[in-house]
C-alpha cells in the first residue's frame, strides 16, 4: 500500500467523477471518454431508458466485447502454440 495514485476528474453522461488509479492520467481520460461515447450511442438508440438502465446495458455490452476478445485471444494463443509445436517436428 502507500502507492502513488492519480486522481483524475472526468465527465461521463454529463456527470462529474473523480477516478483514482495508478494508470497514466491520459489513459484514464481516454477510457472515461470511451464509456461516455458508449452511453451516448446507447441513449441515441433507446431514448426512453433511464440513466441506470443505460449504464447497466452499456456495462453488459462492454463486458460482452471483453469476453469475446478474451476468447479470441485464447484461440490465437492456442493457434500460435500449435504452429510453434509443428515447427519443432
PDB file of N, CA and C in Angstrom:
ATOM      1  N   UNK A   1       0.843  -1.176   0.000  1.00  0.00           N
ATOM      2  CA  UNK A   1       0.000   0.000   0.000  1.00  0.00           C
ATOM      3  C   UNK A   1       0.888   1.240   0.000  1.00  0.00           C
ATOM      4  N   UNK A   2       0.274   2.397   0.030  1.00  0.00           N
ATOM      5  CA  UNK A   2       1.035   3.629   0.014  1.00  0.00           C
ATOM      6  C   UNK A   2       1.558   3.976  -1.362  1.00  0.00           C
ATOM      7  N   UNK A   3       1.064   3.262  -2.390  1.00  0.00           N
ATOM      8  CA  UNK A   3       1.496   3.536  -3.747  1.00  0.00           C
ATOM      9  C   UNK A   3       0.874   4.839  -4.226  1.00  0.00           C
ATOM     10  N   UNK A   4       1.557   5.484  -5.162  1.00  0.00           N
ATOM     11  CA  UNK A   4       1.056   6.738  -5.712  1.00  0.00           C
ATOM     12  C   UNK A   4      -0.178   6.469  -6.549  1.00  0.00           C
ATOM     13  N   UNK A   5      -1.209   7.231  -6.329  1.00  0.00           N
ATOM     14  CA  UNK A   5      -2.446   7.106  -7.093  1.00  0.00           C
ATOM     15  C   UNK A   5      -2.760   8.448  -7.730  1.00  0.00           C
ATOM     16  N   UNK A   6      -3.190   8.400  -8.982  1.00  0.00           N
ATOM     17  CA  UNK A   6      -3.624   9.603  -9.680  1.00  0.00           C
ATOM     18  C   UNK A   6      -5.099   9.837  -9.388  1.00  0.00           C
ATOM     19  N   UNK A   7      -5.482  11.075  -9.232  1.00  0.00           N
ATOM     20  CA  UNK A   7      -6.879  11.459  -9.077  1.00  0.00           C
ATOM     21  C   UNK A   7      -7.244  12.258 -10.317  1.00  0.00           C
ATOM     22  N   UNK A   8      -8.103  11.674 -11.138  1.00  0.00           N
ATOM     23  CA  UNK A   8      -8.436  12.261 -12.426  1.00  0.00           C
ATOM     24  C   UNK A   8      -9.912  12.616 -12.447  1.00  0.00           C
ATOM     25  N   UNK A   9     -10.218  13.852 -12.814  1.00  0.00           N
ATOM     26  CA  UNK A   9     -11.605  14.291 -12.945  1.00  0.00           C
ATOM     27  C   UNK A   9     -12.062  14.057 -14.381  1.00  0.00           C
ATOM     28  N   UNK A  10     -13.194  13.354 -14.519  1.00  0.00           N
ATOM     29  CA  UNK A  10     -13.747  13.056 -15.841  1.00  0.00           C
ATOM     30  C   UNK A  10     -15.243  13.346 -15.825  1.00  0.00           C
ATOM     31  N   UNK A  11     -15.812  13.427 -17.020  1.00  0.00           N
ATOM     32  CA  UNK A  11     -17.256  13.601 -17.164  1.00  0.00           C
ATOM     33  C   UNK A  11     -17.792  12.450 -17.999  1.00  0.00           C
ATOM     34  N   UNK A  12     -18.764  11.753 -17.435  1.00  0.00           N
ATOM     35  CA  UNK A  12     -19.427  10.651 -18.119  1.00  0.00           C
ATOM     36  C   UNK A  12     -20.918  10.882 -17.994  1.00  0.00           C
ATOM     37  N   UNK A  13     -21.591  10.917 -19.123  1.00  0.00           N
ATOM     38  CA  UNK A  13     -23.036  11.135 -19.150  1.00  0.00           C
ATOM     39  C   UNK A  13     -23.416  12.422 -18.417  1.00  0.00           C
ATOM     40  N   UNK A  14     -22.647  13.459 -18.647  1.00  0.00           N
ATOM     41  CA  UNK A  14     -22.866  14.781 -18.059  1.00  0.00           C
ATOM     42  C   UNK A  14     -22.755  14.796 -16.537  1.00  0.00           C
ATOM     43  N   UNK A  15     -22.120  13.790 -15.975  1.00  0.00           N
ATOM     44  CA  UNK A  15     -21.874  13.726 -14.530  1.00  0.00           C
ATOM     45  C   UNK A  15     -20.363  13.757 -14.307  1.00  0.00           C
ATOM     46  N   UNK A  16     -19.946  14.452 -13.273  1.00  0.00           N
ATOM     47  CA  UNK A  16     -18.518  14.566 -12.968  1.00  0.00           C
ATOM     48  C   UNK A  16     -18.115  13.486 -11.964  1.00  0.00           C
ATOM     49  N   UNK A  17     -17.000  12.837 -12.264  1.00  0.00           N
ATOM     50  CA  UNK A  17     -16.469  11.775 -11.415  1.00  0.00           C
ATOM     51  C   UNK A  17     -14.990  12.009 -11.190  1.00  0.00           C
ATOM     52  N   UNK A  18     -14.502  11.569 -10.038  1.00  0.00           N
ATOM     53  CA  UNK A  18     -13.074  11.533  -9.774  1.00  0.00           C
ATOM     54  C   UNK A  18     -12.674  10.072  -9.764  1.00  0.00           C
ATOM     55  N   UNK A  19     -11.787   9.717 -10.670  1.00  0.00           N
ATOM     56  CA  UNK A  19     -11.308   8.348 -10.762  1.00  0.00           C
ATOM     57  C   UNK A  19      -9.908   8.302 -10.170  1.00  0.00           C
ATOM     58  N   UNK A  20      -9.699   7.364  -9.269  1.00  0.00           N
ATOM     59  CA  UNK A  20      -8.407   7.208  -8.617  1.00  0.00           C
ATOM     60  C   UNK A  20      -7.770   5.931  -9.150  1.00  0.00           C
ATOM     61  N   UNK A  21      -6.546   6.048  -9.634  1.00  0.00           N
ATOM     62  CA  UNK A  21      -5.867   4.874 -10.158  1.00  0.00           C
ATOM     63  C   UNK A  21      -4.395   5.128 -10.384  1.00  0.00           C
ATOM     64  N   UNK A  22      -3.691   4.055 -10.672  1.00  0.00           N
ATOM     65  CA  UNK A  22      -2.244   4.150 -10.893  1.00  0.00           C
ATOM     66  C   UNK A  22      -1.896   4.330 -12.365  1.00  0.00           C
ATOM     67  N   UNK A  23      -2.874   4.157 -13.235  1.00  0.00           N
ATOM     68  CA  UNK A  23      -2.608   4.284 -14.667  1.00  0.00           C
ATOM     69  C   UNK A  23      -2.318   5.734 -15.052  1.00  0.00           C
ATOM     70  N   UNK A  24      -1.760   5.867 -16.235  1.00  0.00           N
ATOM     71  CA  UNK A  24      -1.474   7.166 -16.801  1.00  0.00           C
ATOM     72  C   UNK A  24      -2.769   7.986 -16.862  1.00  0.00           C
ATOM     73  N   UNK A  25      -2.759   9.244 -16.442  1.00  0.00           N
ATOM     74  CA  UNK A  25      -3.974  10.067 -16.477  1.00  0.00           C
ATOM     75  C   UNK A  25      -4.619  10.150 -17.855  1.00  0.00           C
ATOM     76  N   UNK A  26      -3.813  10.208 -18.902  1.00  0.00           N
ATOM     77  CA  UNK A  26      -4.386  10.270 -20.252  1.00  0.00           C
ATOM     78  C   UNK A  26      -5.116   8.979 -20.595  1.00  0.00           C
ATOM     79  N   UNK A  27      -4.601   7.874 -20.126  1.00  0.00           N
ATOM     80  CA  UNK A  27      -5.270   6.594 -20.353  1.00  0.00           C
ATOM     81  C   UNK A  27      -6.620   6.567 -19.626  1.00  0.00           C
ATOM     82  N   UNK A  28      -6.641   7.034 -18.405  1.00  0.00           N
ATOM     83  CA  UNK A  28      -7.881   7.078 -17.618  1.00  0.00           C
ATOM     84  C   UNK A  28      -8.897   7.981 -18.311  1.00  0.00           C
ATOM     85  N   UNK A  29      -8.462   9.136 -18.789  1.00  0.00           N
ATOM     86  CA  UNK A  29      -9.361  10.039 -19.506  1.00  0.00           C
ATOM     87  C   UNK A  29      -9.898   9.390 -20.783  1.00  0.00           C
ATOM     88  N   UNK A  30      -9.042   8.682 -21.483  1.00  0.00           N
ATOM     89  CA  UNK A  30      -9.443   8.014 -22.720  1.00  0.00           C
ATOM     90  C   UNK A  30     -10.505   6.954 -22.438  1.00  0.00           C
ATOM     91  N   UNK A  31     -10.285   6.149 -21.420  1.00  0.00           N
ATOM     92  CA  UNK A  31     -11.255   5.115 -21.059  1.00  0.00           C
ATOM     93  C   UNK A  31     -12.587   5.751 -20.668  1.00  0.00           C
ATOM     94  N   UNK A  32     -12.543   6.807 -19.883  1.00  0.00           N
ATOM     95  CA  UNK A  32     -13.776   7.510 -19.492  1.00  0.00           C
ATOM     96  C   UNK A  32     -14.485   8.060 -20.728  1.00  0.00           C
ATOM     97  N   UNK A  33     -13.721   8.578 -21.657  1.00  0.00           N
ATOM     98  CA  UNK A  33     -14.300   9.090 -22.905  1.00  0.00           C
ATOM     99  C   UNK A  33     -15.004   7.972 -23.679  1.00  0.00           C
ATOM    100  N   UNK A  34     -14.381   6.795 -23.745  1.00  0.00           N
ATOM    101  CA  UNK A  34     -14.993   5.675 -24.442  1.00  0.00           C
ATOM    102  C   UNK A  34     -16.299   5.250 -23.781  1.00  0.00           C
ATOM    103  N   UNK A  35     -16.323   5.227 -22.460  1.00  0.00           N
ATOM    104  CA  UNK A  35     -17.550   4.887 -21.735  1.00  0.00           C
ATOM    105  C   UNK A  35     -18.628   5.929 -22.022  1.00  0.00           C
ATOM    106  N   UNK A  36     -18.244   7.195 -21.992  1.00  0.00           N
ATOM    107  CA  UNK A  36     -19.197   8.274 -22.281  1.00  0.00           C
ATOM    108  C   UNK A  36     -19.767   8.124 -23.691  1.00  0.00           C
ATOM    109  N   UNK A  37     -18.917   7.825 -24.655  1.00  0.00           N
ATOM    110  CA  UNK A  37     -19.367   7.643 -26.031  1.00  0.00           C
ATOM    111  C   UNK A  37     -20.331   6.472 -26.142  1.00  0.00           C
ATOM    112  N   UNK A  38     -20.038   5.375 -25.449  1.00  0.00           N
ATOM    113  CA  UNK A  38     -20.917   4.213 -25.483  1.00  0.00           C
ATOM    114  C   UNK A  38     -22.286   4.539 -24.893  1.00  0.00           C
ATOM    115  N   UNK A  39     -22.285   5.270 -23.784  1.00  0.00           N
ATOM    116  CA  UNK A  39     -23.554   5.669 -23.175  1.00  0.00           C
ATOM    117  C   UNK A  39     -24.362   6.546 -24.121  1.00  0.00           C
ATOM    118  N   UNK A  40     -23.691   7.482 -24.760  1.00  0.00           N
ATOM    119  CA  UNK A  40     -24.377   8.367 -25.700  1.00  0.00           C
ATOM    120  C   UNK A  40     -24.925   7.594 -26.893  1.00  0.00           C
ATOM    121  N   UNK A  41     -24.154   6.631 -27.388  1.00  0.00           N
ATOM    122  CA  UNK A  41     -24.593   5.832 -28.515  1.00  0.00           C
ATOM    123  C   UNK A  41     -25.843   5.021 -28.136  1.00  0.00           C
ATOM    124  N   UNK A  42     -25.820   4.417 -26.965  1.00  0.00           N
ATOM    125  CA  UNK A  42     -26.974   3.651 -26.499  1.00  0.00           C
ATOM    126  C   UNK A  42     -28.173   4.572 -26.288  1.00  0.00           C
ATOM    127  N   UNK A  43     -27.938   5.749 -25.718  1.00  0.00           N
ATOM    128  CA  UNK A  43     -29.024   6.700 -25.468  1.00  0.00           C
ATOM    129  C   UNK A  43     -29.675   7.150 -26.774  1.00  0.00           C
ATOM    130  N   UNK A  44     -28.878   7.302 -27.815  1.00  0.00           N
ATOM    131  CA  UNK A  44     -29.445   7.741 -29.095  1.00  0.00           C
ATOM    132  C   UNK A  44     -30.343   6.672 -29.711  1.00  0.00           C
ATOM    133  N   UNK A  45     -30.101   5.409 -29.374  1.00  0.00           N
ATOM    134  CA  UNK A  45     -30.898   4.314 -29.914  1.00  0.00           C
ATOM    135  C   UNK A  45     -32.078   3.968 -29.008  1.00  0.00           C
ATOM    136  N   UNK A  46     -31.988   4.327 -27.732  1.00  0.00           N
ATOM    137  CA  UNK A  46     -33.015   3.952 -26.757  1.00  0.00           C
ATOM    138  C   UNK A  46     -33.317   5.152 -25.861  1.00  0.00           C
ATOM    139  N   UNK A  47     -33.943   6.148 -26.437  1.00  0.00           N
ATOM    140  CA  UNK A  47     -34.162   7.413 -25.729  1.00  0.00           C
ATOM    141  C   UNK A  47     -35.000   7.265 -24.463  1.00  0.00           C
ATOM    142  N   UNK A  48     -35.841   6.254 -24.368  1.00  0.00           N
ATOM    143  CA  UNK A  48     -36.734   6.119 -23.222  1.00  0.00           C
ATOM    144  C   UNK A  48     -36.102   5.513 -21.984  1.00  0.00           C
ATOM    145  N   UNK A  49     -34.841   5.086 -22.066  1.00  0.00           N
ATOM    146  CA  UNK A  49     -34.206   4.442 -20.916  1.00  0.00           C
ATOM    147  C   UNK A  49     -33.723   5.471 -19.898  1.00  0.00           C
ATOM    148  N   UNK A  50     -33.859   5.116 -18.626  1.00  0.00           N
ATOM    149  CA  UNK A  50     -33.319   5.997 -17.594  1.00  0.00           C
ATOM    150  C   UNK A  50     -31.806   5.770 -17.494  1.00  0.00           C
ATOM    151  N   UNK A  51     -31.142   6.628 -16.747  1.00  0.00           N
ATOM    152  CA  UNK A  51     -29.677   6.597 -16.653  1.00  0.00           C
ATOM    153  C   UNK A  51     -29.159   5.263 -16.132  1.00  0.00           C
ATOM    154  N   UNK A  52     -29.822   4.705 -15.138  1.00  0.00           N
ATOM    155  CA  UNK A  52     -29.362   3.434 -14.571  1.00  0.00           C
ATOM    156  C   UNK A  52     -29.423   2.326 -15.609  1.00  0.00           C
ATOM    157  N   UNK A  53     -30.519   2.247 -16.329  1.00  0.00           N
ATOM    158  CA  UNK A  53     -30.647   1.203 -17.353  1.00  0.00           C
ATOM    159  C   UNK A  53     -29.629   1.399 -18.467  1.00  0.00           C
ATOM    160  N   UNK A  54     -29.391   2.647 -18.857  1.00  0.00           N
ATOM    161  CA  UNK A  54     -28.366   2.915 -19.880  1.00  0.00           C
ATOM    162  C   UNK A  54     -26.997   2.451 -19.383  1.00  0.00           C
ATOM    163  N   UNK A  55     -26.698   2.751 -18.126  1.00  0.00           N
ATOM    164  CA  UNK A  55     -25.401   2.369 -17.568  1.00  0.00           C
ATOM    165  C   UNK A  55     -25.252   0.851 -17.506  1.00  0.00           C
ATOM    166  N   UNK A  56     -26.305   0.157 -17.086  1.00  0.00           N
ATOM    167  CA  UNK A  56     -26.241  -1.306 -16.990  1.00  0.00           C
ATOM    168  C   UNK A  56     -26.091  -1.921 -18.382  1.00  0.00           C
ATOM    169  N   UNK A  57     -26.875  -1.467 -19.337  1.00  0.00           N
ATOM    170  CA  UNK A  57     -26.769  -2.010 -20.695  1.00  0.00           C
ATOM    171  C   UNK A  57     -25.410  -1.707 -21.320  1.00  0.00           C
ATOM    172  N   UNK A  58     -24.879  -0.535 -21.039  1.00  0.00           N
ATOM    173  CA  UNK A  58     -23.538  -0.200 -21.531  1.00  0.00           C
ATOM    174  C   UNK A  58     -22.509  -1.136 -20.922  1.00  0.00           C
ATOM    175  N   UNK A  59     -22.614  -1.386 -19.617  1.00  0.00           N
ATOM    176  CA  UNK A  59     -21.683  -2.298 -18.950  1.00  0.00           C
ATOM    177  C   UNK A  59     -21.792  -3.712 -19.522  1.00  0.00           C
ATOM    178  N   UNK A  60     -23.006  -4.168 -19.765  1.00  0.00           N
ATOM    179  CA  UNK A  60     -23.200  -5.504 -20.340  1.00  0.00           C
ATOM    180  C   UNK A  60     -22.587  -5.574 -21.735  1.00  0.00           C
ATOM    181  N   UNK A  61     -22.812  -4.555 -22.554  1.00  0.00           N
ATOM    182  CA  UNK A  61     -22.241  -4.538 -23.902  1.00  0.00           C
ATOM    183  C   UNK A  61     -20.717  -4.541 -23.870  1.00  0.00           C
ATOM    184  N   UNK A  62     -20.136  -3.745 -22.994  1.00  0.00           N
ATOM    185  CA  UNK A  62     -18.679  -3.679 -22.890  1.00  0.00           C
ATOM    186  C   UNK A  62     -18.121  -5.008 -22.389  1.00  0.00           C
ATOM    187  N   UNK A  63     -18.783  -5.613 -21.399  1.00  0.00           N
ATOM    188  CA  UNK A  63     -18.310  -6.898 -20.873  1.00  0.00           C
ATOM    189  C   UNK A  63     -18.429  -7.992 -21.937  1.00  0.00           C
ATOM    190  N   UNK A  64     -19.487  -7.944 -22.726  1.00  0.00           N
ATOM    191  CA  UNK A  64     -19.659  -8.907 -23.824  1.00  0.00           C
ATOM    192  C   UNK A  64     -18.477  -8.809 -24.794  1.00  0.00           C
ATOM    193  N   UNK A  65     -18.120  -7.597 -25.157  1.00  0.00           N
ATOM    194  CA  UNK A  65     -16.982  -7.407 -26.063  1.00  0.00           C
ATOM    195  C   UNK A  65     -15.683  -7.882 -25.423  1.00  0.00           C
ATOM    196  N   UNK A  66     -15.524  -7.617 -24.133  1.00  0.00           N
ATOM    197  CA  UNK A  66     -14.319  -8.056 -23.415  1.00  0.00           C
ATOM    198  C   UNK A  66     -14.205  -9.572 -23.446  1.00  0.00           C
ATOM    199  N   UNK A  67     -15.296 -10.275 -23.165  1.00  0.00           N
ATOM    200  CA  UNK A  67     -15.284 -11.738 -23.165  1.00  0.00           C
ATOM    201  C   UNK A  67     -14.968 -12.259 -24.568  1.00  0.00           C
ATOM    202  N   UNK A  68     -15.570 -11.662 -25.590  1.00  0.00           N
ATOM    203  CA  UNK A  68     -15.271 -12.077 -26.963  1.00  0.00           C
ATOM    204  C   UNK A  68     -13.795 -11.898 -27.284  1.00  0.00           C
ATOM    205  N   UNK A  69     -13.220 -10.778 -26.867  1.00  0.00           N
ATOM    206  CA  UNK A  69     -11.804 -10.526 -27.137  1.00  0.00           C
ATOM    207  C   UNK A  69     -10.913 -11.498 -26.367  1.00  0.00           C
ATOM    208  N   UNK A  70     -11.283 -11.826 -25.127  1.00  0.00           N
ATOM    209  CA  UNK A  70     -10.509 -12.803 -24.357  1.00  0.00           C
ATOM    210  C   UNK A  70     -10.558 -14.172 -25.018  1.00  0.00           C
ATOM    211  N   UNK A  71     -11.748 -14.567 -25.502  1.00  0.00           N
ATOM    212  CA  UNK A  71     -11.878 -15.850 -26.182  1.00  0.00           C
ATOM    213  C   UNK A  71     -11.053 -15.877 -27.460  1.00  0.00           C
ATOM    214  N   UNK A  72     -11.078 -14.798 -28.215  1.00  0.00           N
ATOM    215  CA  UNK A  72     -10.281 -14.703 -29.436  1.00  0.00           C
ATOM    216  C   UNK A  72      -8.789 -14.728 -29.105  1.00  0.00           C
ATOM    217  N   UNK A  73      -8.399 -14.046 -28.052  1.00  0.00           N
ATOM    218  CA  UNK A  73      -7.004 -14.048 -27.617  1.00  0.00           C
ATOM    219  C   UNK A  73      -6.557 -15.462 -27.240  1.00  0.00           C
ATOM    220  N   UNK A  74      -7.404 -16.188 -26.496  1.00  0.00           N
ATOM    221  CA  UNK A  74      -7.078 -17.563 -26.120  1.00  0.00           C
ATOM    222  C   UNK A  74      -6.956 -18.445 -27.360  1.00  0.00           C
ATOM    223  N   UNK A  75      -7.883 -18.272 -28.317  1.00  0.00           N
ATOM    224  CA  UNK A  75      -7.845 -19.051 -29.548  1.00  0.00           C
ATOM    225  C   UNK A  75      -6.550 -18.783 -30.326  1.00  0.00           C
ATOM    226  N   UNK A  76      -6.169 -17.501 -30.405  1.00  0.00           N
ATOM    227  CA  UNK A  76      -4.952 -17.147 -31.137  1.00  0.00           C
ATOM    228  C   UNK A  76      -3.698 -17.656 -30.426  1.00  0.00           C
ATOM    229  N   UNK A  77      -3.694 -17.628 -29.105  1.00  0.00           N
ATOM    230  CA  UNK A  77      -2.557 -18.179 -28.350  1.00  0.00           C
ATOM    231  C   UNK A  77      -2.412 -19.670 -28.613  1.00  0.00           C
ATOM    232  N   UNK A  78      -3.541 -20.373 -28.618  1.00  0.00           N
ATOM    233  CA  UNK A  78      -3.518 -21.802 -28.890  1.00  0.00           C
ATOM    234  C   UNK A  78      -3.023 -22.066 -30.305  1.00  0.00           C
ATOM    235  N   UNK A  79      -3.511 -21.303 -31.258  1.00  0.00           N
ATOM    236  CA  UNK A  79      -3.077 -21.448 -32.647  1.00  0.00           C
ATOM    237  C   UNK A  79      -1.578 -21.187 -32.780  1.00  0.00           C
ATOM    238  N   UNK A  80      -1.098 -20.157 -32.112  1.00  0.00           N
ATOM    239  CA  UNK A  80       0.331 -19.842 -32.144  1.00  0.00           C
ATOM    240  C   UNK A  80       1.146 -20.971 -31.533  1.00  0.00           C
ATOM    241  N   UNK A  81       0.678 -21.518 -30.424  1.00  0.00           N
ATOM    242  CA  UNK A  81       1.389 -22.618 -29.783  1.00  0.00           C
ATOM    243  C   UNK A  81       1.418 -23.842 -30.690  1.00  0.00           C
ATOM    244  N   UNK A  82       0.306 -24.103 -31.367  1.00  0.00           N
ATOM    245  CA  UNK A  82       0.260 -25.238 -32.290  1.00  0.00           C
ATOM    246  C   UNK A  82       1.218 -25.032 -33.452  1.00  0.00           C
ATOM    247  N   UNK A  83       1.319 -23.810 -33.952  1.00  0.00           N
ATOM    248  CA  UNK A  83       2.269 -23.523 -35.029  1.00  0.00           C
ATOM    249  C   UNK A  83       3.708 -23.705 -34.559  1.00  0.00           C
ATOM    250  N   UNK A  84       3.996 -23.254 -33.348  1.00  0.00           N
ATOM    251  CA  UNK A  84       5.344 -23.425 -32.808  1.00  0.00           C
ATOM    252  C   UNK A  84       5.670 -24.904 -32.651  1.00  0.00           C
ATOM    253  N   UNK A  85       4.686 -25.677 -32.160  1.00  0.00           N
ATOM    254  CA  UNK A  85       4.906 -27.098 -31.973  1.00  0.00           C
ATOM    255  C   UNK A  85       5.121 -27.816 -33.301  1.00  0.00           C
ATOM    256  N   UNK A  86       4.419 -27.389 -34.344  1.00  0.00           N
ATOM    257  CA  UNK A  86       4.581 -28.020 -35.646  1.00  0.00           C
ATOM    258  C   UNK A  86       5.942 -27.691 -36.254  1.00  0.00           C
ATOM    259  N   UNK A  87       6.515 -26.562 -35.902  1.00  0.00           N
ATOM    260  CA  UNK A  87       7.856 -26.201 -36.391  1.00  0.00           C
ATOM    261  C   UNK A  87       8.921 -27.050 -35.725  1.00  0.00           C
ATOM    262  N   UNK A  88       8.627 -27.499 -34.506  1.00  0.00           N
ATOM    263  CA  UNK A  88       9.606 -28.317 -33.765  1.00  0.00           C
ATOM    264  C   UNK A  88       9.670 -29.746 -34.281  1.00  0.00           C
ATOM    265  N   UNK A  89       8.719 -30.137 -35.060  1.00  0.00           N
ATOM    266  CA  UNK A  89       8.665 -31.532 -35.532  1.00  0.00           C
ATOM    267  C   UNK A  89       9.657 -31.765 -36.637  1.00  0.00           C
TER     268      UNK A  89
END
